[in-house]
C-alpha atoms as a PDB file:
ATOM      1  CA  MET A   1       4.499 -17.936   1.723  1.00  0.00           C
ATOM      2  CA  TYR A   2       5.198 -15.052  -0.458  1.00  0.00           C
ATOM      3  CA  ASN A   3       7.901 -13.174   0.583  1.00  0.00           C
ATOM      4  CA  VAL A   4       7.118  -9.234  -0.068  1.00  0.00           C
ATOM      5  CA  LEU A   5       9.510  -6.541  -0.138  1.00  0.00           C
ATOM      6  CA  LEU A   6       6.970  -3.839   0.565  1.00  0.00           C
ATOM      7  CA  PHE A   7       7.240   0.304  -0.577  1.00  0.00           C
ATOM      8  CA  GLY A   8       4.768   2.892   1.353  1.00  0.00           C
ATOM      9  CA  ASP A   9       4.117   5.993   3.257  1.00  0.00           C
ATOM     10  CA  PRO A  10       1.966   5.377   6.511  1.00  0.00           C
ATOM     11  CA  GLY A  11      -0.067   7.055   6.448  1.00  0.00           C
ATOM     12  CA  ILE A  12      -3.521   5.212   8.503  1.00  0.00           C
ATOM     13  CA  ASP A  13      -3.884   3.209   5.736  1.00  0.00           C
ATOM     14  CA  ASP A  14      -0.350   1.832   4.465  1.00  0.00           C
ATOM     15  CA  SER A  15       0.168   1.672   8.601  1.00  0.00           C
ATOM     16  CA  LEU A  16      -3.559  -1.164   8.744  1.00  0.00           C
ATOM     17  CA  ALA A  17      -2.442  -2.815   5.422  1.00  0.00           C
ATOM     18  CA  ILE A  18       1.595  -3.065   7.394  1.00  0.00           C
ATOM     19  CA  MET A  19       0.022  -4.549   9.808  1.00  0.00           C
ATOM     20  CA  TYR A  20      -1.672  -6.797   8.332  1.00  0.00           C
ATOM     21  CA  ALA A  21       1.539  -8.089   6.572  1.00  0.00           C
ATOM     22  CA  LEU A  22       2.939  -8.650   9.628  1.00  0.00           C
ATOM     23  CA  LEU A  23       0.307 -10.740  11.271  1.00  0.00           C
ATOM     24  CA  ASN A  24      -0.498 -12.727   8.399  1.00  0.00           C
ATOM     25  CA  PRO A  25       0.874 -15.926   8.006  1.00  0.00           C
ATOM     26  CA  LYS A  26       0.818 -16.593   4.623  1.00  0.00           C
ATOM     27  CA  ILE A  27       2.936 -13.184   4.302  1.00  0.00           C
ATOM     28  CA  ASN A  28       6.816 -12.807   5.362  1.00  0.00           C
ATOM     29  CA  VAL A  29       7.654  -9.466   4.778  1.00  0.00           C
ATOM     30  CA  VAL A  30      11.606  -9.224   3.961  1.00  0.00           C
ATOM     31  CA  GLY A  31      12.213  -5.400   3.869  1.00  0.00           C
ATOM     32  CA  ILE A  32       9.922  -2.187   4.066  1.00  0.00           C
ATOM     33  CA  VAL A  33      11.108   1.077   1.916  1.00  0.00           C
ATOM     34  CA  SER A  34       9.722   4.207   3.703  1.00  0.00           C
ATOM     35  CA  GLY A  35       9.118   6.667   1.762  1.00  0.00           C
ATOM     36  CA  TYR A  36       7.102  10.439   0.966  1.00  0.00           C
ATOM     37  CA  GLY A  37       3.252  10.387  -0.021  1.00  0.00           C
ATOM     38  CA  ASN A  38       0.457  10.797   2.661  1.00  0.00           C
ATOM     39  CA  VAL A  39       3.530  11.878   5.277  1.00  0.00           C
ATOM     40  CA  SER A  40       6.704  12.883   4.408  1.00  0.00           C
ATOM     41  CA  GLN A  41       9.917  10.170   4.049  1.00  0.00           C
ATOM     42  CA  GLN A  42      11.094  11.457   7.871  1.00  0.00           C
ATOM     43  CA  GLN A  43       7.683  10.546   9.462  1.00  0.00           C
ATOM     44  CA  ALA A  44       7.076   7.752   7.303  1.00  0.00           C
ATOM     45  CA  THR A  45      10.151   5.981   8.700  1.00  0.00           C
ATOM     46  CA  GLN A  46       8.973   6.905  11.938  1.00  0.00           C
ATOM     47  CA  ASN A  47       5.633   5.135  11.715  1.00  0.00           C
ATOM     48  CA  VAL A  48       7.188   1.874  10.375  1.00  0.00           C
ATOM     49  CA  ALA A  49       9.945   1.889  13.043  1.00  0.00           C
ATOM     50  CA  TYR A  50       6.705   2.473  15.936  1.00  0.00           C
ATOM     51  CA  LEU A  51       4.712  -0.378  14.205  1.00  0.00           C
ATOM     52  CA  LEU A  52       8.007  -2.881  13.742  1.00  0.00           C
ATOM     53  CA  GLN A  53       8.859  -2.159  17.471  1.00  0.00           C
ATOM     54  CA  LEU A  54       5.216  -2.803  18.782  1.00  0.00           C
ATOM     55  CA  ALA A  55       5.361  -5.841  16.211  1.00  0.00           C
ATOM     56  CA  GLY A  56       9.029  -7.098  17.535  1.00  0.00           C
ATOM     57  CA  ARG A  57      10.061  -7.074  13.951  1.00  0.00           C
ATOM     58  CA  GLU A  58      13.200  -4.948  14.418  1.00  0.00           C
ATOM     59  CA  ASP A  59      14.611  -7.396  12.354  1.00  0.00           C
ATOM     60  CA  ILE A  60      13.042  -5.932   9.020  1.00  0.00           C
ATOM     61  CA  PRO A  61      15.302  -3.677   7.128  1.00  0.00           C
ATOM     62  CA  ILE A  62      13.015  -0.295   6.624  1.00  0.00           C
ATOM     63  CA  ILE A  63      15.222   1.299   3.678  1.00  0.00           C
ATOM     64  CA  ALA A  64      15.420   4.576   2.738  1.00  0.00           C
ATOM     65  CA  GLY A  65      12.936   5.771  -0.056  1.00  0.00           C
ATOM     66  CA  ALA A  66      12.399   8.997  -1.579  1.00  0.00           C
ATOM     67  CA  ARG A  67      11.427  12.188  -0.502  1.00  0.00           C
ATOM     68  CA  GLY A  68      10.357  13.827  -3.426  1.00  0.00           C
ATOM     69  CA  PRO A  69       8.612  12.532  -6.863  1.00  0.00           C
ATOM     70  CA  LEU A  70      10.849  12.256  -9.749  1.00  0.00           C
ATOM     71  CA  SER A  71       9.393  15.504 -11.599  1.00  0.00           C
ATOM     72  CA  GLY A  72      11.279  17.860  -8.343  1.00  0.00           C
ATOM     73  CA  GLU A  73       8.014  19.148  -7.323  1.00  0.00           C
ATOM     74  CA  ILE A  74       7.278  19.808  -4.073  1.00  0.00           C
ATOM     75  CA  ALA A  75       5.602  17.166  -2.108  1.00  0.00           C
ATOM     76  CA  VAL A  76       1.751  17.248  -0.894  1.00  0.00           C
ATOM     77  CA  PHE A  77       1.042  15.652   2.259  1.00  0.00           C
ATOM     78  CA  TYR A  78      -2.792  14.533   3.599  1.00  0.00           C
ATOM     79  CA  PRO A  79      -2.919  15.375   6.926  1.00  0.00           C
ATOM     80  CA  GLU A  80      -6.480  16.094   6.563  1.00  0.00           C
ATOM     81  CA  ILE A  81      -7.101  12.357   5.900  1.00  0.00           C
ATOM     82  CA  HIS A  82      -3.664  11.273   8.116  1.00  0.00           C
ATOM     83  CA  GLY A  83      -3.610  13.175  10.610  1.00  0.00           C
ATOM     84  CA  GLU A  84      -0.374  15.122  11.707  1.00  0.00           C
ATOM     85  CA  GLU A  85       2.356  12.219  11.942  1.00  0.00           C
ATOM     86  CA  GLY A  86       0.219   9.702   9.842  1.00  0.00           C
ATOM     87  CA  LEU A  87      -1.335   7.487  12.549  1.00  0.00           C
ATOM     88  CA  GLY A  88      -4.115   9.556  13.392  1.00  0.00           C
ATOM     89  CA  PRO A  89      -4.472  10.770  16.833  1.00  0.00           C
ATOM     90  CA  ILE A  90      -1.199   8.327  17.643  1.00  0.00           C
ATOM     91  CA  ARG A  91       1.921  10.083  18.196  1.00  0.00           C
ATOM     92  CA  PRO A  92       4.897   7.217  17.476  1.00  0.00           C
ATOM     93  CA  PRO A  93       7.511   7.750  20.541  1.00  0.00           C
ATOM     94  CA  GLU A  94      10.154  10.092  19.785  1.00  0.00           C
ATOM     95  CA  THR A  95      12.464   7.525  21.510  1.00  0.00           C
ATOM     96  CA  ILE A  96      12.200   5.406  19.233  1.00  0.00           C
ATOM     97  CA  GLN A  97      15.466   5.351  17.398  1.00  0.00           C
ATOM     98  CA  ARG A  98      16.167   2.731  13.932  1.00  0.00           C
ATOM     99  CA  GLU A  99      19.056   3.429  11.365  1.00  0.00           C
ATOM    100  CA  LEU A 100      18.012   3.672   8.172  1.00  0.00           C
ATOM    101  CA  VAL A 101      19.902   1.009   5.618  1.00  0.00           C
ATOM    102  CA  ASN A 102      20.963   2.610   2.563  1.00  0.00           C
ATOM    103  CA  PHE A 103      18.698   1.388  -0.928  1.00  0.00           C
ATOM    104  CA  ASP A 104      21.086  -0.325  -1.984  1.00  0.00           C
ATOM    105  CA  GLU A 105      19.336  -3.142   0.437  1.00  0.00           C
ATOM    106  CA  VAL A 106      16.572  -3.315  -2.125  1.00  0.00           C
ATOM    107  CA  PHE A 107      19.336  -4.967  -4.930  1.00  0.00           C
ATOM    108  CA  LYS A 108      20.683  -7.130  -2.263  1.00  0.00           C
ATOM    109  CA  ILE A 109      16.941  -8.215  -1.453  1.00  0.00           C
ATOM    110  CA  ILE A 110      16.136  -9.612  -4.971  1.00  0.00           C
ATOM    111  CA  ASP A 111      19.397 -11.258  -5.097  1.00  0.00           C
ATOM    112  CA  ASN A 112      18.500 -13.298  -1.934  1.00  0.00           C
ATOM    113  CA  TYR A 113      15.141 -13.922  -2.756  1.00  0.00           C
ATOM    114  CA  GLU A 114      15.484 -13.946  -7.113  1.00  0.00           C
ATOM    115  CA  ASN A 115      12.411 -15.439  -8.540  1.00  0.00           C
ATOM    116  CA  ASN A 116      11.228 -15.601  -5.742  1.00  0.00           C
ATOM    117  CA  LEU A 117      10.564 -12.365  -4.073  1.00  0.00           C
ATOM    118  CA  ILE A 118       7.396  -9.993  -4.429  1.00  0.00           C
ATOM    119  CA  VAL A 119       7.000  -6.254  -4.681  1.00  0.00           C
ATOM    120  CA  VAL A 120       4.085  -4.716  -2.838  1.00  0.00           C
ATOM    121  CA  ASP A 121       3.844  -0.493  -3.884  1.00  0.00           C
ATOM    122  CA  VAL A 122       1.046   1.147  -1.999  1.00  0.00           C
ATOM    123  CA  GLY A 123       2.769   4.295  -1.629  1.00  0.00           C
ATOM    124  CA  ARG A 124       3.728   7.389  -4.545  1.00  0.00           C
ATOM    125  CA  SER A 125       5.994   4.853  -7.224  1.00  0.00           C
ATOM    126  CA  THR A 126       9.250   7.134  -6.949  1.00  0.00           C
ATOM    127  CA  SER A 127      11.472   4.406  -4.665  1.00  0.00           C
ATOM    128  CA  LEU A 128       9.946   1.927  -7.029  1.00  0.00           C
ATOM    129  CA  ALA A 129      11.215   3.764 -10.286  1.00  0.00           C
ATOM    130  CA  ILE A 130      14.217   4.588  -8.670  1.00  0.00           C
ATOM    131  CA  ALA A 131      15.114   0.951  -8.336  1.00  0.00           C
ATOM    132  CA  TYR A 132      14.541   0.637 -12.159  1.00  0.00           C
ATOM    133  CA  LEU A 133      16.798   3.355 -12.830  1.00  0.00           C
ATOM    134  CA  LEU A 134      19.894   1.938 -10.443  1.00  0.00           C
ATOM    135  CA  GLY A 135      19.388  -1.526 -10.469  1.00  0.00           C
ATOM    136  CA  GLY A 136      18.553  -1.916 -14.559  1.00  0.00           C
ATOM    137  CA  GLU A 137      16.077  -4.056 -15.690  1.00  0.00           C
ATOM    138  CA  GLU A 138      18.092  -7.511 -14.860  1.00  0.00           C
ATOM    139  CA  TYR A 139      17.351  -7.014 -11.794  1.00  0.00           C
ATOM    140  CA  LEU A 140      13.731  -6.168 -11.738  1.00  0.00           C
ATOM    141  CA  ARG A 141      13.343  -9.160 -13.849  1.00  0.00           C
ATOM    142  CA  LYS A 142      14.308 -11.228 -10.838  1.00  0.00           C
ATOM    143  CA  VAL A 143      11.335 -10.030  -8.683  1.00  0.00           C
ATOM    144  CA  LYS A 144       8.179 -12.489  -9.604  1.00  0.00           C
ATOM    145  CA  ALA A 145       5.333  -9.920  -9.198  1.00  0.00           C
ATOM    146  CA  PHE A 146       4.454  -6.581  -9.030  1.00  0.00           C
ATOM    147  CA  HIS A 147       1.167  -5.476  -6.548  1.00  0.00           C
ATOM    148  CA  CYS A 148       0.718  -2.103  -7.073  1.00  0.00           C
ATOM    149  CA  MET A 149      -2.236   0.215  -5.285  1.00  0.00           C
ATOM    150  CA  GLY A 150      -3.036   2.934  -7.604  1.00  0.00           C
ATOM    151  CA  GLY A 151      -5.011   4.770 -10.464  1.00  0.00           C
ATOM    152  CA  ALA A 152      -8.319   4.703 -11.853  1.00  0.00           C
ATOM    153  CA  PHE A 153      -9.924   3.801 -14.832  1.00  0.00           C
ATOM    154  CA  LEU A 154     -13.069   4.972 -16.173  1.00  0.00           C
ATOM    155  CA  VAL A 155     -14.417   5.700 -12.938  1.00  0.00           C
ATOM    156  CA  PRO A 156     -13.770   9.519 -10.492  1.00  0.00           C
ATOM    157  CA  GLY A 157     -10.167  10.019  -8.708  1.00  0.00           C
ATOM    158  CA  ASN A 158     -10.150  10.990  -5.357  1.00  0.00           C
ATOM    159  CA  VAL A 159      -7.874  13.645  -6.233  1.00  0.00           C
ATOM    160  CA  THR A 160      -8.641  15.071  -9.390  1.00  0.00           C
ATOM    161  CA  PRO A 161     -11.930  14.275 -11.501  1.00  0.00           C
ATOM    162  CA  VAL A 162      -9.812  11.964 -13.173  1.00  0.00           C
ATOM    163  CA  ALA A 163      -6.385  10.953 -10.476  1.00  0.00           C
ATOM    164  CA  GLU A 164      -5.889   8.519  -7.917  1.00  0.00           C
ATOM    165  CA  ALA A 165      -3.260  10.065  -5.231  1.00  0.00           C
ATOM    166  CA  ASN A 166      -0.509   7.442  -5.787  1.00  0.00           C
ATOM    167  CA  PHE A 167      -0.719   7.668  -9.517  1.00  0.00           C
ATOM    168  CA  HIS A 168      -1.145  11.524  -9.258  1.00  0.00           C
ATOM    169  CA  GLY A 169       2.094  12.221  -6.887  1.00  0.00           C
ATOM    170  CA  ASP A 170       3.921  10.572  -9.349  1.00  0.00           C
ATOM    171  CA  PRO A 171       2.886   9.918 -12.942  1.00  0.00           C
ATOM    172  CA  ILE A 172       6.124   9.646 -13.865  1.00  0.00           C
ATOM    173  CA  ALA A 173       7.202   6.635 -11.617  1.00  0.00           C
ATOM    174  CA  ALA A 174       4.041   5.237 -12.026  1.00  0.00           C
ATOM    175  CA  ASN A 175       3.672   5.433 -15.787  1.00  0.00           C
ATOM    176  CA  LEU A 176       8.110   4.101 -15.305  1.00  0.00           C
ATOM    177  CA  VAL A 177       6.968   1.727 -13.578  1.00  0.00           C
ATOM    178  CA  LEU A 178       3.664   0.234 -15.653  1.00  0.00           C
ATOM    179  CA  ASN A 179       5.958   0.106 -18.777  1.00  0.00           C
ATOM    180  CA  LYS A 180       9.457  -1.296 -17.943  1.00  0.00           C
ATOM    181  CA  PHE A 181       7.937  -4.121 -15.468  1.00  0.00           C
ATOM    182  CA  LYS A 182       6.765  -7.638 -16.060  1.00  0.00           C
ATOM    183  CA  ASN A 183       3.234  -9.087 -14.279  1.00  0.00           C
ATOM    184  CA  VAL A 184       1.952  -6.276 -12.544  1.00  0.00           C
ATOM    185  CA  PHE A 185      -1.615  -6.258 -10.490  1.00  0.00           C
ATOM    186  CA  ILE A 186      -2.978  -2.761 -10.137  1.00  0.00           C
ATOM    187  CA  THR A 187      -5.374  -2.418  -7.766  1.00  0.00           C
ATOM    188  CA  PRO A 188      -6.773   0.659  -8.347  1.00  0.00           C
ATOM    189  CA  LEU A 189      -9.744   2.338  -6.741  1.00  0.00           C
ATOM    190  CA  ASN A 190     -12.267   0.470  -9.372  1.00  0.00           C
ATOM    191  CA  VAL A 191     -11.579  -2.001  -6.340  1.00  0.00           C
ATOM    192  CA  THR A 192     -10.208  -0.020  -3.195  1.00  0.00           C
ATOM    193  CA  ASN A 193     -13.063   1.875  -2.827  1.00  0.00           C
ATOM    194  CA  HIS A 194     -15.526  -1.195  -2.066  1.00  0.00           C
ATOM    195  CA  ALA A 195     -12.653  -2.370  -0.111  1.00  0.00           C
ATOM    196  CA  LYS A 196     -15.064  -0.944   2.996  1.00  0.00           C
ATOM    197  CA  ILE A 197     -14.655  -1.962   7.051  1.00  0.00           C
ATOM    198  CA  THR A 198     -17.367  -0.999   8.980  1.00  0.00           C
ATOM    199  CA  GLN A 199     -17.400   0.285  12.634  1.00  0.00           C
ATOM    200  CA  GLU A 200     -18.798  -2.469  13.248  1.00  0.00           C
ATOM    201  CA  THR A 201     -16.661  -4.940  12.342  1.00  0.00           C
ATOM    202  CA  ILE A 202     -13.954  -3.118  14.021  1.00  0.00           C
ATOM    203  CA  GLN A 203     -15.609  -3.130  17.002  1.00  0.00           C
ATOM    204  CA  GLN A 204     -15.195  -6.993  16.741  1.00  0.00           C
ATOM    205  CA  ILE A 205     -11.295  -6.510  15.941  1.00  0.00           C
ATOM    206  CA  THR A 206     -10.388  -4.743  18.967  1.00  0.00           C
ATOM    207  CA  SER A 207     -12.881  -6.587  21.782  1.00  0.00           C
ATOM    208  CA  GLN A 208      -9.723  -7.686  23.273  1.00  0.00           C
ATOM    209  CA  PRO A 209      -6.025  -7.395  23.235  1.00  0.00           C
ATOM    210  CA  PHE A 210      -5.344  -9.737  19.921  1.00  0.00           C
ATOM    211  CA  ASN A 211      -1.659  -8.629  19.558  1.00  0.00           C
ATOM    212  CA  SER A 212       0.202  -5.042  19.728  1.00  0.00           C
ATOM    213  CA  PHE A 213      -1.967  -3.433  17.096  1.00  0.00           C
ATOM    214  CA  THR A 214      -4.927  -4.030  18.770  1.00  0.00           C
ATOM    215  CA  PRO A 215      -5.139  -0.356  20.368  1.00  0.00           C
ATOM    216  CA  LEU A 216      -3.931   1.739  17.814  1.00  0.00           C
ATOM    217  CA  ILE A 217      -6.987   0.013  15.450  1.00  0.00           C
ATOM    218  CA  LYS A 218      -9.840   1.386  16.436  1.00  0.00           C
ATOM    219  CA  PRO A 219      -8.298   4.992  17.045  1.00  0.00           C
ATOM    220  CA  ILE A 220      -6.665   5.638  13.641  1.00  0.00           C
ATOM    221  CA  PHE A 221      -9.603   3.895  12.218  1.00  0.00           C
ATOM    222  CA  ASP A 222     -11.686   6.948  13.450  1.00  0.00           C
ATOM    223  CA  TYR A 223     -10.119   8.975  12.664  1.00  0.00           C
ATOM    224  CA  TYR A 224      -9.816   7.813   8.925  1.00  0.00           C
ATOM    225  CA  THR A 225     -13.537   7.001   8.970  1.00  0.00           C
ATOM    226  CA  ASN A 226     -14.703  10.789  10.276  1.00  0.00           C
ATOM    227  CA  ALA A 227     -12.227  12.394   7.548  1.00  0.00           C
ATOM    228  CA  TYR A 228     -13.915  10.310   4.581  1.00  0.00           C
ATOM    229  CA  LYS A 229     -16.759  11.480   6.470  1.00  0.00           C
ATOM    230  CA  LYS A 230     -16.366  15.052   5.696  1.00  0.00           C
ATOM    231  CA  LEU A 231     -15.987  14.171   2.068  1.00  0.00           C
ATOM    232  CA  ASP A 232     -19.096  12.225   1.834  1.00  0.00           C
ATOM    233  CA  HIS A 233     -21.444  12.413   4.747  1.00  0.00           C
ATOM    234  CA  GLY A 234     -23.227   8.591   3.226  1.00  0.00           C
ATOM    235  CA  LEU A 235     -20.058   6.181   3.343  1.00  0.00           C
ATOM    236  CA  ALA A 236     -21.261   3.548   5.215  1.00  0.00           C
ATOM    237  CA  GLY A 237     -17.744   2.466   6.012  1.00  0.00           C
ATOM    238  CA  SER A 238     -13.749   2.741   5.162  1.00  0.00           C
ATOM    239  CA  PRO A 239     -12.394   2.264   2.212  1.00  0.00           C
ATOM    240  CA  LEU A 240      -9.117   0.367   2.669  1.00  0.00           C
ATOM    241  CA  HIS A 241      -6.798   0.598   0.201  1.00  0.00           C
ATOM    242  CA  ASP A 242      -4.424  -0.604   0.749  1.00  0.00           C
ATOM    243  CA  VAL A 243      -4.862  -3.292   2.948  1.00  0.00           C
ATOM    244  CA  PHE A 244      -6.693  -4.945  -0.123  1.00  0.00           C
ATOM    245  CA  THR A 245      -3.799  -4.931  -2.091  1.00  0.00           C
ATOM    246  CA  PHE A 246      -2.235  -7.255   0.180  1.00  0.00           C
ATOM    247  CA  PHE A 247      -5.881  -9.080   0.699  1.00  0.00           C
ATOM    248  CA  ALA A 248      -5.310  -9.155  -3.274  1.00  0.00           C
ATOM    249  CA  LEU A 249      -2.292 -11.066  -3.458  1.00  0.00           C
ATOM    250  CA  VAL A 250      -2.735 -13.494  -0.649  1.00  0.00           C
ATOM    251  CA  ASN A 251      -6.227 -14.870  -2.267  1.00  0.00           C
ATOM    252  CA  PRO A 252      -6.139 -14.369  -6.169  1.00  0.00           C
ATOM    253  CA  GLU A 253      -8.992 -17.278  -6.402  1.00  0.00           C
ATOM    254  CA  GLN A 254     -11.550 -14.130  -4.564  1.00  0.00           C
ATOM    255  CA  VAL A 255     -10.507 -11.272  -7.807  1.00  0.00           C
ATOM    256  CA  GLN A 256     -11.359 -10.983 -10.897  1.00  0.00           C
ATOM    257  CA  TYR A 257      -8.333  -9.112 -13.255  1.00  0.00           C
ATOM    258  CA  VAL A 258      -8.441  -7.740 -16.853  1.00  0.00           C
ATOM    259  CA  GLU A 259      -5.287  -7.710 -18.803  1.00  0.00           C
ATOM    260  CA  ARG A 260      -4.654  -4.508 -20.364  1.00  0.00           C
ATOM    261  CA  GLN A 261      -1.269  -2.179 -21.414  1.00  0.00           C
ATOM    262  CA  ALA A 262      -2.065  -0.088 -18.726  1.00  0.00           C
ATOM    263  CA  SER A 263       0.159   3.740 -18.813  1.00  0.00           C
ATOM    264  CA  VAL A 264      -0.760   6.913 -16.939  1.00  0.00           C
ATOM    265  CA  SER A 265      -0.927  10.622 -18.464  1.00  0.00           C
ATOM    266  CA  ILE A 266       2.228  12.734 -17.281  1.00  0.00           C
ATOM    267  CA  ASN A 267       0.960  15.472 -18.391  1.00  0.00           C
ATOM    268  CA  PHE A 268       1.364  18.383 -16.108  1.00  0.00           C
ATOM    269  CA  ASP A 269      -2.154  19.424 -16.807  1.00  0.00           C
ATOM    270  CA  LYS A 270      -6.215  18.112 -15.554  1.00  0.00           C
ATOM    271  CA  THR A 271      -5.234  15.173 -16.697  1.00  0.00           C
ATOM    272  CA  LYS A 272      -2.287  14.388 -14.380  1.00  0.00           C
ATOM    273  CA  GLY A 273      -1.943  11.241 -12.966  1.00  0.00           C
ATOM    274  CA  GLU A 274      -4.816   9.772 -15.305  1.00  0.00           C
ATOM    275  CA  SER A 275      -5.020   6.282 -15.830  1.00  0.00           C
ATOM    276  CA  ILE A 276      -5.144   4.855 -19.141  1.00  0.00           C
ATOM    277  CA  ALA A 277      -5.737   1.436 -20.813  1.00  0.00           C
ATOM    278  CA  ASP A 278      -8.061   0.275 -23.944  1.00  0.00           C
ATOM    279  CA  PHE A 279     -11.628  -1.159 -22.662  1.00  0.00           C
ATOM    280  CA  ARG A 280     -13.026  -0.881 -26.113  1.00  0.00           C
ATOM    281  CA  ALA A 281     -15.593  -4.415 -26.932  1.00  0.00           C
ATOM    282  CA  GLN A 282     -12.381  -5.690 -29.352  1.00  0.00           C
ATOM    283  CA  SER A 283      -9.954  -4.764 -27.270  1.00  0.00           C
ATOM    284  CA  SER A 284      -9.272  -8.263 -25.331  1.00  0.00           C
ATOM    285  CA  ASP A 285      -8.865  -9.933 -28.682  1.00  0.00           C
ATOM    286  CA  GLN A 286      -4.985  -7.426 -29.146  1.00  0.00           C
ATOM    287  CA  ILE A 287      -3.622  -8.178 -25.486  1.00  0.00           C
ATOM    288  CA  ALA A 288      -0.130  -7.874 -25.559  1.00  0.00           C
ATOM    289  CA  GLU A 289       2.203 -10.418 -23.825  1.00  0.00           C
ATOM    290  CA  ASP A 290       3.672  -8.262 -21.205  1.00  0.00           C
ATOM    291  CA  ALA A 291       0.054  -6.517 -20.695  1.00  0.00           C
ATOM    292  CA  ASP A 292      -0.538  -5.734 -16.826  1.00  0.00           C
ATOM    293  CA  HIS A 293      -3.207  -7.488 -14.397  1.00  0.00           C
ATOM    294  CA  ILE A 294      -5.914  -4.744 -13.780  1.00  0.00           C
ATOM    295  CA  ALA A 295      -8.422  -5.379 -10.823  1.00  0.00           C
ATOM    296  CA  LEU A 296     -12.019  -4.545 -11.145  1.00  0.00           C
ATOM    297  CA  SER A 297     -14.466  -6.763  -9.296  1.00  0.00           C
ATOM    298  CA  PHE A 298     -13.820  -8.876  -5.907  1.00  0.00           C
ATOM    299  CA  ASN A 299     -15.467 -11.459  -3.444  1.00  0.00           C
ATOM    300  CA  TYR A 300     -16.590  -8.452  -0.636  1.00  0.00           C
ATOM    301  CA  GLN A 301     -17.348 -10.991   2.094  1.00  0.00           C
ATOM    302  CA  ALA A 302     -14.100 -12.853   1.955  1.00  0.00           C
ATOM    303  CA  PHE A 303     -11.941  -9.733   2.131  1.00  0.00           C
ATOM    304  CA  VAL A 304     -14.072  -8.465   5.307  1.00  0.00           C
ATOM    305  CA  LYS A 305     -13.853 -12.208   6.451  1.00  0.00           C
ATOM    306  CA  ASP A 306     -10.082 -12.360   5.972  1.00  0.00           C
ATOM    307  CA  PHE A 307      -9.225  -9.252   7.751  1.00  0.00           C
ATOM    308  CA  THR A 308     -11.387 -10.063  10.572  1.00  0.00           C
ATOM    309  CA  THR A 309      -9.550 -12.950  10.398  1.00  0.00           C
ATOM    310  CA  VAL A 310      -5.774 -12.155   9.621  1.00  0.00           C
ATOM    311  CA  MET A 311      -6.404  -9.298  12.642  1.00  0.00           C
ATOM    312  CA  THR A 312      -7.542 -11.176  15.579  1.00  0.00           C
ATOM    313  CA  ILE A 313      -4.316 -13.452  15.115  1.00  0.00           C
ATOM    314  CA  ARG A 314      -2.960 -13.522  18.884  1.00  0.00           C
ATOM    315  CA  HIS A 315       0.625 -12.963  18.178  1.00  0.00           C
ATOM    316  CA  ARG A 316       2.946 -14.731  20.967  1.00  0.00           C
ATOM    317  CA  TRP A 317       5.196 -11.596  20.046  1.00  0.00           C
ATOM    318  CA  ALA A 318       2.369  -9.378  21.027  1.00  0.00           C
ATOM    319  CA  THR A 319       0.158 -10.418  23.538  1.00  0.00           C
ATOM    320  CA  HIS A 320       2.260  -8.708  26.464  1.00  0.00           C
ATOM    321  CA  GLN A 321       2.274  -5.503  24.544  1.00  0.00           C
ATOM    322  CA  ALA A 322      -1.119  -5.128  23.701  1.00  0.00           C
ATOM    323  CA  ASN A 323      -2.073  -5.203  27.011  1.00  0.00           C
ATOM    324  CA  SER A 324       0.816  -2.525  28.621  1.00  0.00           C
ATOM    325  CA  LEU A 325      -1.198  -0.082  26.025  1.00  0.00           C
ATOM    326  CA  TYR A 326      -4.989  -0.604  26.920  1.00  0.00           C
END
């Protein structure tokens, strides 16, 4: 089982990733750091609290993450993709109240799961960079691996011609993570853009009240799909970038990586947030020991099968809540 400390900014895709992680028997979520990104930090926290309540997992601490990038710029949100509250048409009940724990909880979790903890970062990397700045390299060495959704290597970006949203949202933090952390696995747009789930699959996983998340899945997915179709009318499905990052963690044999030292452009010009790595023919002959693992291809059928299997798990904490929401 993978003990996971999750950094995120839900957001529809992040929310589906949280559902996937909580349902997956291979994953033990030990904490969630909620930060800005797709929505504000405050709204992200509300969304996390709502999902944990539905799951009956209020034992999982919610840790206060960053409210803006290290550059001090004003954060840009994406309501046109995720909705004003980050869950498409779903509005988390205002009655949900969860106490945020201090950021120091990150270091307590790292100590408790020393050398047996995976950090999964599917949002802006600001909070993770702050962990490095506060805890120092000795603390981050206790983490077994870092799985980060971000970047676009030699393919178009999704917020600028060259940059993906997470790396672009805080390139300083993303560059720090890639250059200072060891054993980093990157799931860039190269693979996540192809991790598309169709309406047929969503219909299958919502055909019965399998768990307490089932009623949320179709409305938020439909909202997400409609938003993407406005950008690309020919899409046959919606890419689940953050879900894929968890899939890659628990199914490493289904993902092909190359080892390269990656970095991010921190220039605040047209290259801001651009992913950089050396893919020249002979570059593989000079791979450093601390090179990052960049995902470039995967087994699509295995991804769809795994997603369907996990999201239709019947959970003892779920059924009665799911029935009440239908």
